[in-house]
């Protein structure tokens, strides 16, 4: 029997809203051609001006109000670190429809935030799909990246964890109707998989060749993850050309890695890099 398809967790700028120093209050917006990205930004203090800032990249159907995103805001506030979190197009408070999104479009959102919102060197933290976006952004802007932290990273998930797990009938429906609805373990609403998501995703697959990332990389993955096999992080570590790559496996960790002990491990990992 086929395994169930993966159901993940939920410079063109023309204007920048005024910046916030505390990451609180209403979100701000980055205006881009055809889309408007919501973000929250916390500034570094004089004491930490020379430290790398943190940029969080959420997962598929997730947003900057999630547990890990808000934990990182508190973490950075306590250490006076710069921090940016945002919503991809079609997610959270950003403009657009989720069904119109693709991996390339969401990677372009992340790169735009790096270019126009975040300051200085950055440690990118990518959760699930955000781990794929993290890699694409680091390849596009290597001079800005001080390190990467992947949380159950899911590069190539559109092919390896969705398309390859679909039945013949589901593939036919997706190809003929351009969309497929699948149950979600994280929402009462079904997850919509589009033909464009699958086909455009093939332009961004990474795991079939060496990945030219040379900064420090840390990957955290639960061995009890029902959605993204932890061996994917091992495969990813082998593909990244940097020698400073570490994989930490949490034997009882699930996909979200949002328990108190998981968040404590995330914090310790960041402190090691910073």
Protein backbone atom coordinates (compact mmCIF):
# COMPACT_ATOMS: atom_id res chain seq x y z
CA UNK A 1 0.00 0.00 0.00
CA UNK A 2 1.27 3.47 -0.84
CA UNK A 3 2.19 5.68 2.09
CA UNK A 4 -0.04 8.67 2.72
CA UNK A 5 1.14 11.89 1.06
CA UNK A 6 2.96 14.39 3.21
CA UNK A 7 0.73 17.03 4.79
CA UNK A 8 3.09 19.60 6.36
CA UNK A 9 2.38 22.06 9.16
CA UNK A 10 0.43 24.61 9.12
CA UNK A 11 14.90 43.83 -4.96
CA UNK A 12 11.67 45.06 -6.16
CA UNK A 13 10.37 46.78 -3.10
CA UNK A 14 8.52 50.01 -3.57
CA UNK A 15 7.79 50.91 0.05
CA UNK A 16 8.80 49.90 3.57
CA UNK A 17 6.62 50.51 6.61
CA UNK A 18 8.27 52.12 9.60
CA UNK A 19 10.43 49.70 11.58
CA UNK A 20 9.59 48.46 15.05
CA UNK A 21 12.25 47.99 17.72
CA UNK A 22 10.32 45.44 19.77
CA UNK A 23 8.60 43.09 17.31
CA UNK A 24 5.21 43.77 18.97
CA UNK A 25 1.99 45.45 17.87
CA UNK A 26 0.39 45.18 14.45
CA UNK A 27 2.48 43.64 11.68
CA UNK A 28 4.29 45.84 9.22
CA UNK A 29 4.21 45.32 5.46
CA UNK A 30 6.74 45.06 2.69
CA UNK A 31 5.14 46.23 -0.56
CA UNK A 32 6.33 44.30 -3.61
CA UNK A 33 5.02 44.11 -7.17
CA UNK A 34 1.83 42.07 -7.02
CA UNK A 35 2.05 41.17 -3.33
CA UNK A 36 2.26 42.54 0.20
CA UNK A 37 4.26 40.64 2.83
CA UNK A 38 3.46 40.96 6.53
CA UNK A 39 6.40 40.92 8.92
CA UNK A 40 7.51 41.75 12.44
CA UNK A 41 10.98 43.09 13.13
CA UNK A 42 12.95 43.38 16.34
CA UNK A 43 16.10 45.53 16.25
CA UNK A 44 19.43 44.69 17.88
CA UNK A 45 20.80 46.96 20.59
CA UNK A 46 24.22 48.63 20.61
CA UNK A 47 25.50 45.70 22.67
CA UNK A 48 24.63 43.15 19.97
CA UNK A 49 25.04 45.28 16.86
CA UNK A 50 27.87 43.05 15.61
CA UNK A 51 26.00 39.78 16.20
CA UNK A 52 24.15 37.98 13.43
CA UNK A 53 20.41 38.48 13.41
CA UNK A 54 17.76 35.75 13.19
CA UNK A 55 15.29 35.25 10.33
CA UNK A 56 12.57 32.63 10.82
CA UNK A 57 11.09 30.78 7.82
CA UNK A 58 7.84 29.01 8.74
CA UNK A 59 6.42 25.83 7.28
CA UNK A 60 3.74 25.04 4.70
CA UNK A 61 0.45 26.66 5.79
CA UNK A 62 2.14 28.01 8.93
CA UNK A 63 2.85 31.64 9.79
CA UNK A 64 4.77 34.02 12.02
CA UNK A 65 2.32 33.59 14.93
CA UNK A 66 3.25 29.95 15.55
CA UNK A 67 4.90 28.51 18.66
CA UNK A 68 8.45 28.42 17.30
CA UNK A 69 8.18 31.90 15.77
CA UNK A 70 7.01 33.45 19.03
CA UNK A 71 9.55 31.47 21.08
CA UNK A 72 12.29 32.95 18.91
CA UNK A 73 10.92 36.44 19.46
CA UNK A 74 11.19 35.97 23.24
CA UNK A 75 14.62 34.36 22.82
CA UNK A 76 15.95 37.28 20.80
CA UNK A 77 14.33 39.88 23.08
CA UNK A 78 16.09 38.39 26.09
CA UNK A 79 19.45 38.58 24.30
CA UNK A 80 18.97 41.89 22.44
CA UNK A 81 19.32 40.10 19.10
CA UNK A 82 17.81 41.35 15.85
CA UNK A 83 14.91 39.17 14.72
CA UNK A 84 12.57 39.10 11.72
CA UNK A 85 9.60 36.81 11.15
CA UNK A 86 7.17 37.06 8.26
CA UNK A 87 4.32 35.39 6.38
CA UNK A 88 4.76 34.03 2.87
CA UNK A 89 2.32 35.13 0.17
CA UNK A 90 -1.03 33.45 0.79
CA UNK A 91 -0.17 32.79 4.43
CA UNK A 92 -1.17 34.63 7.61
CA UNK A 93 -1.53 38.39 7.18
CA UNK A 94 0.21 38.59 3.79
CA UNK A 95 -1.72 39.12 0.59
CA UNK A 96 -2.60 36.46 -1.97
CA UNK A 97 -4.25 33.05 -2.04
CA UNK A 98 -2.49 30.02 -0.61
CA UNK A 99 -3.53 27.94 -3.64
CA UNK A 100 -1.58 30.27 -5.95
CA UNK A 101 1.69 29.73 -4.09
CA UNK A 102 4.72 27.76 -5.27
CA UNK A 103 8.14 26.95 -3.84
CA UNK A 104 9.78 29.50 -6.15
CA UNK A 105 7.32 32.22 -5.16
CA UNK A 106 7.80 31.60 -1.44
CA UNK A 107 11.58 31.49 -1.84
CA UNK A 108 11.34 34.85 -3.64
CA UNK A 109 9.38 36.18 -0.64
CA UNK A 110 12.17 35.10 1.71
CA UNK A 111 14.87 36.64 -0.49
CA UNK A 112 12.90 39.91 -0.63
CA UNK A 113 12.73 39.99 3.17
CA UNK A 114 16.50 39.40 3.35
CA UNK A 115 17.09 42.22 0.86
CA UNK A 116 14.68 44.80 2.22
CA UNK A 117 13.76 44.07 5.85
CA UNK A 118 16.52 42.16 7.63
CA UNK A 119 19.85 43.82 8.43
CA UNK A 120 23.40 42.49 8.31
CA UNK A 121 24.50 38.86 8.57
CA UNK A 122 21.75 36.37 9.36
CA UNK A 123 21.16 32.96 10.83
CA UNK A 124 18.22 31.48 8.94
CA UNK A 125 15.96 29.12 10.86
CA UNK A 126 13.67 27.05 8.65
CA UNK A 127 10.89 24.79 9.88
CA UNK A 128 9.67 21.92 7.66
CA UNK A 129 9.08 23.52 4.23
CA UNK A 130 10.92 26.52 5.64
CA UNK A 131 14.01 24.31 5.69
CA UNK A 132 13.80 24.05 1.90
CA UNK A 133 13.19 27.79 1.55
CA UNK A 134 16.14 28.39 3.91
CA UNK A 135 18.47 26.46 1.58
CA UNK A 136 17.24 28.25 -1.55
CA UNK A 137 17.61 31.66 0.12
CA UNK A 138 21.12 30.80 1.36
CA UNK A 139 22.16 29.76 -2.15
CA UNK A 140 20.75 33.02 -3.55
CA UNK A 141 22.33 35.32 -0.91
CA UNK A 142 25.42 33.50 0.46
CA UNK A 143 27.14 36.74 1.44
CA UNK A 144 24.36 37.48 3.95
CA UNK A 145 24.21 34.09 5.65
CA UNK A 146 26.13 33.35 8.86
CA UNK A 147 24.50 30.01 9.57
CA UNK A 148 21.46 27.77 9.04
CA UNK A 149 19.27 25.86 11.48
CA UNK A 150 16.76 23.39 10.02
CA UNK A 151 13.89 22.05 12.13
CA UNK A 152 12.59 18.84 10.52
CA UNK A 153 13.70 20.33 7.19
CA UNK A 154 11.77 19.12 4.16
CA UNK A 155 13.69 19.93 0.96
CA UNK A 156 12.15 18.42 -2.18
CA UNK A 157 8.98 17.48 -0.25
CA UNK A 158 6.69 18.25 -3.19
CA UNK A 159 8.30 15.41 -5.13
CA UNK A 160 9.58 12.97 -2.51
CA UNK A 161 6.80 13.26 0.06
CA UNK A 162 3.77 14.24 -1.99
CA UNK A 163 4.01 13.21 -5.66
CA UNK A 164 5.84 9.94 -5.01
CA UNK A 165 3.26 8.93 -2.41
CA UNK A 166 0.15 9.66 -4.46
CA UNK A 167 -1.87 6.82 -5.92
CA UNK A 168 -2.43 6.65 -9.67
CA UNK A 169 -5.98 7.90 -9.17
CA UNK A 170 -4.80 10.86 -7.09
CA UNK A 171 -2.18 11.76 -9.69
CA UNK A 172 -4.80 11.67 -12.43
CA UNK A 173 -7.08 13.94 -10.42
CA UNK A 174 -4.25 16.38 -9.76
CA UNK A 175 -3.19 16.48 -13.41
CA UNK A 176 -6.71 16.81 -14.82
CA UNK A 177 -8.26 19.13 -12.22
CA UNK A 178 -5.06 21.02 -11.25
CA UNK A 179 -5.75 20.51 -7.53
CA UNK A 180 -6.16 17.81 -4.91
CA UNK A 181 -7.53 18.11 -1.39
CA UNK A 182 -5.95 15.91 1.28
CA UNK A 183 -6.76 15.63 5.02
CA UNK A 184 -4.55 17.63 7.37
CA UNK A 185 -3.35 16.46 10.77
CA UNK A 186 -2.89 20.09 11.79
CA UNK A 187 -6.17 21.71 10.71
CA UNK A 188 -9.85 20.94 10.23
CA UNK A 189 -9.47 22.35 6.74
CA UNK A 190 -8.05 20.04 4.05
CA UNK A 191 -4.67 20.78 2.54
CA UNK A 192 -4.90 21.86 -1.09
CA UNK A 193 -2.13 20.49 -3.31
CA UNK A 194 -1.98 22.11 -6.74
CA UNK A 195 -0.49 20.91 -9.98
CA UNK A 196 1.54 24.13 -10.11
CA UNK A 197 3.04 23.41 -6.68
CA UNK A 198 4.29 20.01 -7.86
CA UNK A 199 5.48 21.02 -11.32
CA UNK A 200 7.12 24.30 -10.29
CA UNK A 201 8.72 22.57 -7.32
CA UNK A 202 10.74 20.42 -9.72
CA UNK A 203 12.73 23.49 -10.72
CA UNK A 204 14.02 23.78 -7.14
CA UNK A 205 14.90 20.19 -6.18
CA UNK A 206 18.21 19.99 -4.30
CA UNK A 207 18.90 16.47 -3.10
CA UNK A 208 20.14 14.97 -6.37
CA UNK A 209 23.43 16.93 -6.39
CA UNK A 210 25.89 18.63 -4.02
CA UNK A 211 24.41 21.72 -2.35
CA UNK A 212 26.86 24.63 -2.47
CA UNK A 213 26.30 25.96 1.04
CA UNK A 214 29.51 26.62 2.99
CA UNK A 215 28.33 28.20 6.23
CA UNK A 216 27.71 26.31 9.49
CA UNK A 217 24.54 24.21 9.35
CA UNK A 218 22.60 22.60 12.21
CA UNK A 219 19.72 20.20 11.57
CA UNK A 220 17.31 19.10 14.32
CA UNK A 221 14.91 16.26 13.54
CA UNK A 222 12.53 14.10 15.54
CA UNK A 223 12.84 10.36 15.01
CA UNK A 224 9.10 10.04 15.71
CA UNK A 225 8.24 12.53 12.94
CA UNK A 226 5.27 11.02 11.05
CA UNK A 227 5.49 13.49 8.17
CA UNK A 228 9.15 14.02 7.23
CA UNK A 229 11.44 11.00 7.79
CA UNK A 230 14.46 11.91 9.91
CA UNK A 231 16.73 10.25 7.35
CA UNK A 232 16.00 13.20 5.09
CA UNK A 233 18.17 15.34 7.39
CA UNK A 234 20.97 12.79 7.11
CA UNK A 235 20.69 12.89 3.31
CA UNK A 236 20.71 16.67 3.40
CA UNK A 237 23.81 16.75 5.62
CA UNK A 238 25.64 14.54 3.10
CA UNK A 239 24.70 16.83 0.20
CA UNK A 240 25.72 20.15 1.80
CA UNK A 241 29.35 20.90 0.89
CA UNK A 242 30.17 22.65 4.17
CA UNK A 243 32.16 20.52 6.61
CA UNK A 244 30.57 22.30 9.57
CA UNK A 245 27.28 20.39 9.51
CA UNK A 246 25.72 18.67 12.53
CA UNK A 247 22.56 16.62 12.74
CA UNK A 248 20.80 16.21 16.09
CA UNK A 249 18.15 13.48 16.29
CA UNK A 250 15.49 13.63 19.01
CA UNK A 251 14.31 10.07 19.54
CA UNK A 252 10.81 10.95 20.77
CA UNK A 253 10.53 14.20 18.81
CA UNK A 254 7.56 14.71 16.48
CA UNK A 255 7.31 16.90 13.38
CA UNK A 256 6.54 20.16 15.09
CA UNK A 257 9.40 20.13 17.63
CA UNK A 258 7.44 22.62 19.74
CA UNK A 259 7.68 21.01 23.18
CA UNK A 260 9.55 22.89 25.90
CA UNK A 261 12.54 20.57 25.61
CA UNK A 262 12.60 20.95 21.82
CA UNK A 263 12.55 24.72 22.08
CA UNK A 264 15.32 24.64 24.70
CA UNK A 265 17.44 22.59 22.29
CA UNK A 266 16.71 25.11 19.52
CA UNK A 267 17.83 27.94 21.79
CA UNK A 268 21.05 26.17 22.74
CA UNK A 269 21.74 25.47 19.07
CA UNK A 270 21.35 29.14 18.17
CA UNK A 271 23.57 30.26 21.03
CA UNK A 272 26.26 27.90 19.77
CA UNK A 273 26.12 29.53 16.33
CA UNK A 274 25.83 33.14 17.51
